[in-house]
PDB file of N, CA and C in Angstrom:
ATOM      1  N   UNK A   1     101.383  95.850 106.611  1.00  0.00           N
ATOM      2  CA  UNK A   1     100.187  96.475 107.091  1.00  0.00           C
ATOM      3  C   UNK A   1      99.177  95.368 107.382  1.00  0.00           C
ATOM      4  N   UNK A   2      98.553  95.431 108.509  1.00  0.00           N
ATOM      5  CA  UNK A   2      97.518  94.468 108.866  1.00  0.00           C
ATOM      6  C   UNK A   2      96.154  95.063 108.543  1.00  0.00           C
ATOM      7  N   UNK A   3      95.277  94.254 107.980  1.00  0.00           N
ATOM      8  CA  UNK A   3      93.925  94.683 107.631  1.00  0.00           C
ATOM      9  C   UNK A   3      92.915  93.814 108.348  1.00  0.00           C
ATOM     10  N   UNK A   4      91.786  94.422 108.709  1.00  0.00           N
ATOM     11  CA  UNK A   4      90.714  93.696 109.361  1.00  0.00           C
ATOM     12  C   UNK A   4      89.400  94.271 108.861  1.00  0.00           C
ATOM     13  N   UNK A   5      88.455  93.425 108.433  1.00  0.00           N
ATOM     14  CA  UNK A   5      87.180  93.898 107.904  1.00  0.00           C
ATOM     15  C   UNK A   5      86.049  93.048 108.456  1.00  0.00           C
ATOM     16  N   UNK A   6      84.988  93.715 108.852  1.00  0.00           N
ATOM     17  CA  UNK A   6      83.780  93.034 109.295  1.00  0.00           C
ATOM     18  C   UNK A   6      82.777  93.051 108.149  1.00  0.00           C
ATOM     19  N   UNK A   7      81.999  91.974 108.005  1.00  0.00           N
ATOM     20  CA  UNK A   7      81.021  91.883 106.927  1.00  0.00           C
ATOM     21  C   UNK A   7      79.610  92.004 107.480  1.00  0.00           C
ATOM     22  N   UNK A   8      78.717  92.543 106.651  1.00  0.00           N
ATOM     23  CA  UNK A   8      77.297  92.551 107.007  1.00  0.00           C
ATOM     24  C   UNK A   8      76.781  91.114 106.872  1.00  0.00           C
ATOM     25  N   UNK A   9      75.860  90.707 107.718  1.00  0.00           N
ATOM     26  CA  UNK A   9      75.427  89.310 107.739  1.00  0.00           C
ATOM     27  C   UNK A   9      74.578  88.926 106.538  1.00  0.00           C
ATOM     28  N   UNK A  10      73.950  89.904 105.863  1.00  0.00           N
ATOM     29  CA  UNK A  10      73.027  89.570 104.774  1.00  0.00           C
ATOM     30  C   UNK A  10      73.641  89.692 103.378  1.00  0.00           C
ATOM     31  N   UNK A  11      74.972  89.732 103.258  1.00  0.00           N
ATOM     32  CA  UNK A  11      75.604  89.825 101.940  1.00  0.00           C
ATOM     33  C   UNK A  11      76.359  88.545 101.622  1.00  0.00           C
ATOM     34  N   UNK A  12      76.685  88.367 100.354  1.00  0.00           N
ATOM     35  CA  UNK A  12      77.487  87.233  99.906  1.00  0.00           C
ATOM     36  C   UNK A  12      78.869  87.766  99.549  1.00  0.00           C
ATOM     37  N   UNK A  13      79.910  87.116 100.049  1.00  0.00           N
ATOM     38  CA  UNK A  13      81.292  87.531  99.816  1.00  0.00           C
ATOM     39  C   UNK A  13      82.022  86.393  99.114  1.00  0.00           C
ATOM     40  N   UNK A  14      82.803  86.729  98.076  1.00  0.00           N
ATOM     41  CA  UNK A  14      83.590  85.718  97.383  1.00  0.00           C
ATOM     42  C   UNK A  14      85.034  85.796  97.855  1.00  0.00           C
ATOM     43  N   UNK A  15      85.543  84.669  98.340  1.00  0.00           N
ATOM     44  CA  UNK A  15      86.927  84.589  98.817  1.00  0.00           C
ATOM     45  C   UNK A  15      87.581  83.408  98.120  1.00  0.00           C
ATOM     46  N   UNK A  16      88.581  83.675  97.318  1.00  0.00           N
ATOM     47  CA  UNK A  16      89.288  82.600  96.633  1.00  0.00           C
ATOM     48  C   UNK A  16      88.409  81.774  95.712  1.00  0.00           C
ATOM     49  N   UNK A  17      87.411  82.409  95.087  1.00  0.00           N
ATOM     50  CA  UNK A  17      86.533  81.706  94.150  1.00  0.00           C
ATOM     51  C   UNK A  17      85.363  80.983  94.801  1.00  0.00           C
ATOM     52  N   UNK A  18      85.247  81.014  96.111  1.00  0.00           N
ATOM     53  CA  UNK A  18      84.151  80.379  96.833  1.00  0.00           C
ATOM     54  C   UNK A  18      83.307  81.450  97.501  1.00  0.00           C
ATOM     55  N   UNK A  19      81.968  81.301  97.405  1.00  0.00           N
ATOM     56  CA  UNK A  19      81.065  82.282  98.005  1.00  0.00           C
ATOM     57  C   UNK A  19      80.680  81.878  99.422  1.00  0.00           C
ATOM     58  N   UNK A  20      80.662  82.874 100.300  1.00  0.00           N
ATOM     59  CA  UNK A  20      80.279  82.683 101.698  1.00  0.00           C
ATOM     60  C   UNK A  20      79.285  83.763 102.079  1.00  0.00           C
ATOM     61  N   UNK A  21      78.413  83.459 103.033  1.00  0.00           N
ATOM     62  CA  UNK A  21      77.524  84.502 103.556  1.00  0.00           C
ATOM     63  C   UNK A  21      78.312  85.346 104.549  1.00  0.00           C
ATOM     64  N   UNK A  22      77.886  86.593 104.716  1.00  0.00           N
ATOM     65  CA  UNK A  22      78.545  87.455 105.692  1.00  0.00           C
ATOM     66  C   UNK A  22      78.494  86.878 107.091  1.00  0.00           C
ATOM     67  N   UNK A  23      77.394  86.191 107.412  1.00  0.00           N
ATOM     68  CA  UNK A  23      77.260  85.580 108.738  1.00  0.00           C
ATOM     69  C   UNK A  23      78.293  84.471 108.935  1.00  0.00           C
ATOM     70  N   UNK A  24      78.619  83.735 107.868  1.00  0.00           N
ATOM     71  CA  UNK A  24      79.592  82.651 107.981  1.00  0.00           C
ATOM     72  C   UNK A  24      81.014  83.193 108.135  1.00  0.00           C
ATOM     73  N   UNK A  25      81.282  84.347 107.540  1.00  0.00           N
ATOM     74  CA  UNK A  25      82.635  84.912 107.600  1.00  0.00           C
ATOM     75  C   UNK A  25      82.869  85.659 108.897  1.00  0.00           C
ATOM     76  N   UNK A  26      81.987  86.585 109.232  1.00  0.00           N
ATOM     77  CA  UNK A  26      82.185  87.404 110.433  1.00  0.00           C
ATOM     78  C   UNK A  26      83.257  88.447 110.204  1.00  0.00           C
ATOM     79  N   UNK A  27      84.514  88.130 110.486  1.00  0.00           N
ATOM     80  CA  UNK A  27      85.620  89.077 110.329  1.00  0.00           C
ATOM     81  C   UNK A  27      86.708  88.450 109.465  1.00  0.00           C
ATOM     82  N   UNK A  28      87.187  89.218 108.484  1.00  0.00           N
ATOM     83  CA  UNK A  28      88.324  88.803 107.662  1.00  0.00           C
ATOM     84  C   UNK A  28      89.554  89.545 108.138  1.00  0.00           C
ATOM     85  N   UNK A  29      90.668  88.873 108.184  1.00  0.00           N
ATOM     86  CA  UNK A  29      91.921  89.519 108.561  1.00  0.00           C
ATOM     87  C   UNK A  29      92.988  89.106 107.559  1.00  0.00           C
ATOM     88  N   UNK A  30      93.931  90.001 107.288  1.00  0.00           N
ATOM     89  CA  UNK A  30      94.987  89.694 106.343  1.00  0.00           C
ATOM     90  C   UNK A  30      96.168  90.625 106.527  1.00  0.00           C
ATOM     91  N   UNK A  31      97.197  90.380 105.743  1.00  0.00           N
ATOM     92  CA  UNK A  31      98.410  91.186 105.812  1.00  0.00           C
ATOM     93  C   UNK A  31      98.791  91.587 104.395  1.00  0.00           C
ATOM     94  N   UNK A  32      99.196  92.835 104.221  1.00  0.00           N
ATOM     95  CA  UNK A  32      99.596  93.361 102.923  1.00  0.00           C
ATOM     96  C   UNK A  32     101.040  93.824 103.012  1.00  0.00           C
ATOM     97  N   UNK A  33     101.864  93.380 102.066  1.00  0.00           N
ATOM     98  CA  UNK A  33     103.244  93.850 101.992  1.00  0.00           C
ATOM     99  C   UNK A  33     103.372  94.769 100.794  1.00  0.00           C
ATOM    100  N   UNK A  34     104.029  95.888 100.985  1.00  0.00           N
ATOM    101  CA  UNK A  34     104.237  96.840  99.908  1.00  0.00           C
ATOM    102  C   UNK A  34     105.727  97.036  99.673  1.00  0.00           C
ATOM    103  N   UNK A  35     106.034  97.559  98.506  1.00  0.00           N
ATOM    104  CA  UNK A  35     107.418  97.898  98.212  1.00  0.00           C
ATOM    105  C   UNK A  35     107.812  99.098  99.062  1.00  0.00           C
ATOM    106  N   UNK A  36     109.074  99.181  99.419  1.00  0.00           N
ATOM    107  CA  UNK A  36     109.536 100.322 100.202  1.00  0.00           C
ATOM    108  C   UNK A  36     109.626 101.573  99.351  1.00  0.00           C
ATOM    109  N   UNK A  37     109.762 101.417  98.034  1.00  0.00           N
ATOM    110  CA  UNK A  37     109.897 102.561  97.147  1.00  0.00           C
ATOM    111  C   UNK A  37     109.022 102.326  95.929  1.00  0.00           C
ATOM    112  N   UNK A  38     108.185 103.276  95.602  1.00  0.00           N
ATOM    113  CA  UNK A  38     107.333 103.175  94.424  1.00  0.00           C
ATOM    114  C   UNK A  38     107.376 104.506  93.681  1.00  0.00           C
ATOM    115  N   UNK A  39     108.046 104.560  92.519  1.00  0.00           N
ATOM    116  CA  UNK A  39     108.079 105.799  91.754  1.00  0.00           C
ATOM    117  C   UNK A  39     106.665 106.225  91.368  1.00  0.00           C
ATOM    118  N   UNK A  40     106.401 107.498  91.413  1.00  0.00           N
ATOM    119  CA  UNK A  40     105.077 108.020  91.107  1.00  0.00           C
ATOM    120  C   UNK A  40     105.189 109.144  90.092  1.00  0.00           C
ATOM    121  N   UNK A  41     104.285 109.156  89.121  1.00  0.00           N
ATOM    122  CA  UNK A  41     104.212 110.210  88.121  1.00  0.00           C
ATOM    123  C   UNK A  41     102.815 110.807  88.196  1.00  0.00           C
ATOM    124  N   UNK A  42     102.709 112.110  88.465  1.00  0.00           N
ATOM    125  CA  UNK A  42     101.405 112.753  88.563  1.00  0.00           C
ATOM    126  C   UNK A  42     101.377 114.039  87.759  1.00  0.00           C
ATOM    127  N   UNK A  43     100.179 114.416  87.347  1.00  0.00           N
ATOM    128  CA  UNK A  43      99.942 115.676  86.658  1.00  0.00           C
ATOM    129  C   UNK A  43      98.708 116.290  87.310  1.00  0.00           C
ATOM    130  N   UNK A  44      98.780 117.562  87.676  1.00  0.00           N
ATOM    131  CA  UNK A  44      97.653 118.193  88.344  1.00  0.00           C
ATOM    132  C   UNK A  44      97.295 119.525  87.727  1.00  0.00           C
ATOM    133  N   UNK A  45      96.078 119.986  88.028  1.00  0.00           N
ATOM    134  CA  UNK A  45      95.600 121.276  87.538  1.00  0.00           C
ATOM    135  C   UNK A  45      94.717 121.894  88.608  1.00  0.00           C
ATOM    136  N   UNK A  46      94.938 123.166  88.922  1.00  0.00           N
ATOM    137  CA  UNK A  46      94.133 123.851  89.936  1.00  0.00           C
ATOM    138  C   UNK A  46      93.680 125.221  89.441  1.00  0.00           C
ATOM    139  N   UNK A  47      93.464 125.384  88.189  1.00  0.00           N
ATOM    140  CA  UNK A  47      92.976 126.653  87.661  1.00  0.00           C
ATOM    141  C   UNK A  47      94.098 127.604  87.307  1.00  0.00           C
ATOM    142  N   UNK A  48      93.730 128.825  86.972  1.00  0.00           N
ATOM    143  CA  UNK A  48      94.705 129.840  86.562  1.00  0.00           C
ATOM    144  C   UNK A  48      95.485 130.416  87.724  1.00  0.00           C
ATOM    145  N   UNK A  49      96.159 131.503  87.482  1.00  0.00           N
ATOM    146  CA  UNK A  49      96.981 132.154  88.503  1.00  0.00           C
ATOM    147  C   UNK A  49      96.133 133.149  89.290  1.00  0.00           C
ATOM    148  N   UNK A  50      95.242 132.647  90.113  1.00  0.00           N
ATOM    149  CA  UNK A  50      94.369 133.494  90.925  1.00  0.00           C
ATOM    150  C   UNK A  50      94.680 133.281  92.394  1.00  0.00           C
ATOM    151  N   UNK A  51      94.180 134.164  93.244  1.00  0.00           N
ATOM    152  CA  UNK A  51      94.388 134.020  94.683  1.00  0.00           C
ATOM    153  C   UNK A  51      93.157 133.386  95.320  1.00  0.00           C
ATOM    154  N   UNK A  52      93.300 132.950  96.546  1.00  0.00           N
ATOM    155  CA  UNK A  52      92.182 132.360  97.277  1.00  0.00           C
ATOM    156  C   UNK A  52      92.225 130.838  97.263  1.00  0.00           C
ATOM    157  N   UNK A  53      91.134 130.247  97.700  1.00  0.00           N
ATOM    158  CA  UNK A  53      91.025 128.797  97.789  1.00  0.00           C
ATOM    159  C   UNK A  53      90.799 128.229  96.398  1.00  0.00           C
ATOM    160  N   UNK A  54      91.504 127.143  96.095  1.00  0.00           N
ATOM    161  CA  UNK A  54      91.368 126.499  94.798  1.00  0.00           C
ATOM    162  C   UNK A  54      91.059 125.023  94.986  1.00  0.00           C
ATOM    163  N   UNK A  55      90.286 124.497  94.089  1.00  0.00           N
ATOM    164  CA  UNK A  55      90.025 123.071  94.047  1.00  0.00           C
ATOM    165  C   UNK A  55      90.607 122.554  92.750  1.00  0.00           C
ATOM    166  N   UNK A  56      91.358 121.481  92.818  1.00  0.00           N
ATOM    167  CA  UNK A  56      92.018 120.980  91.620  1.00  0.00           C
ATOM    168  C   UNK A  56      91.778 119.501  91.434  1.00  0.00           C
ATOM    169  N   UNK A  57      92.305 119.007  90.344  1.00  0.00           N
ATOM    170  CA  UNK A  57      92.243 117.578  90.038  1.00  0.00           C
ATOM    171  C   UNK A  57      93.667 117.098  89.799  1.00  0.00           C
ATOM    172  N   UNK A  58      93.885 115.829  90.070  1.00  0.00           N
ATOM    173  CA  UNK A  58      95.207 115.263  89.848  1.00  0.00           C
ATOM    174  C   UNK A  58      95.034 113.807  89.403  1.00  0.00           C
ATOM    175  N   UNK A  59      95.834 113.412  88.452  1.00  0.00           N
ATOM    176  CA  UNK A  59      95.838 112.036  87.977  1.00  0.00           C
ATOM    177  C   UNK A  59      97.270 111.534  88.015  1.00  0.00           C
ATOM    178  N   UNK A  60      97.437 110.284  88.294  1.00  0.00           N
ATOM    179  CA  UNK A  60      98.789 109.758  88.372  1.00  0.00           C
ATOM    180  C   UNK A  60      98.834 108.258  88.265  1.00  0.00           C
ATOM    181  N   UNK A  61     100.050 107.756  88.272  1.00  0.00           N
ATOM    182  CA  UNK A  61     100.258 106.302  88.204  1.00  0.00           C
ATOM    183  C   UNK A  61     101.444 105.943  89.094  1.00  0.00           C
ATOM    184  N   UNK A  62     101.323 104.819  89.781  1.00  0.00           N
ATOM    185  CA  UNK A  62     102.434 104.309  90.586  1.00  0.00           C
ATOM    186  C   UNK A  62     102.985 103.080  89.894  1.00  0.00           C
ATOM    187  N   UNK A  63     104.287 102.948  89.912  1.00  0.00           N
ATOM    188  CA  UNK A  63     104.936 101.826  89.237  1.00  0.00           C
ATOM    189  C   UNK A  63     105.422 100.816  90.253  1.00  0.00           C
TER     190      UNK A  63
END
């Protein structure tokens, strides 16, 4: 996955332990490699056994 980010000119950004102004950086670009398979364990809750629209919460972890 390719990533690209623009910085605001009036902020300080730390890259590799060195601080730079947003104006000095301009645009950061990078590449991220991920595993093709990541097991996931999740637990969710959306209320009781009712009808209609429900809002729920879910928590999980990826390995």
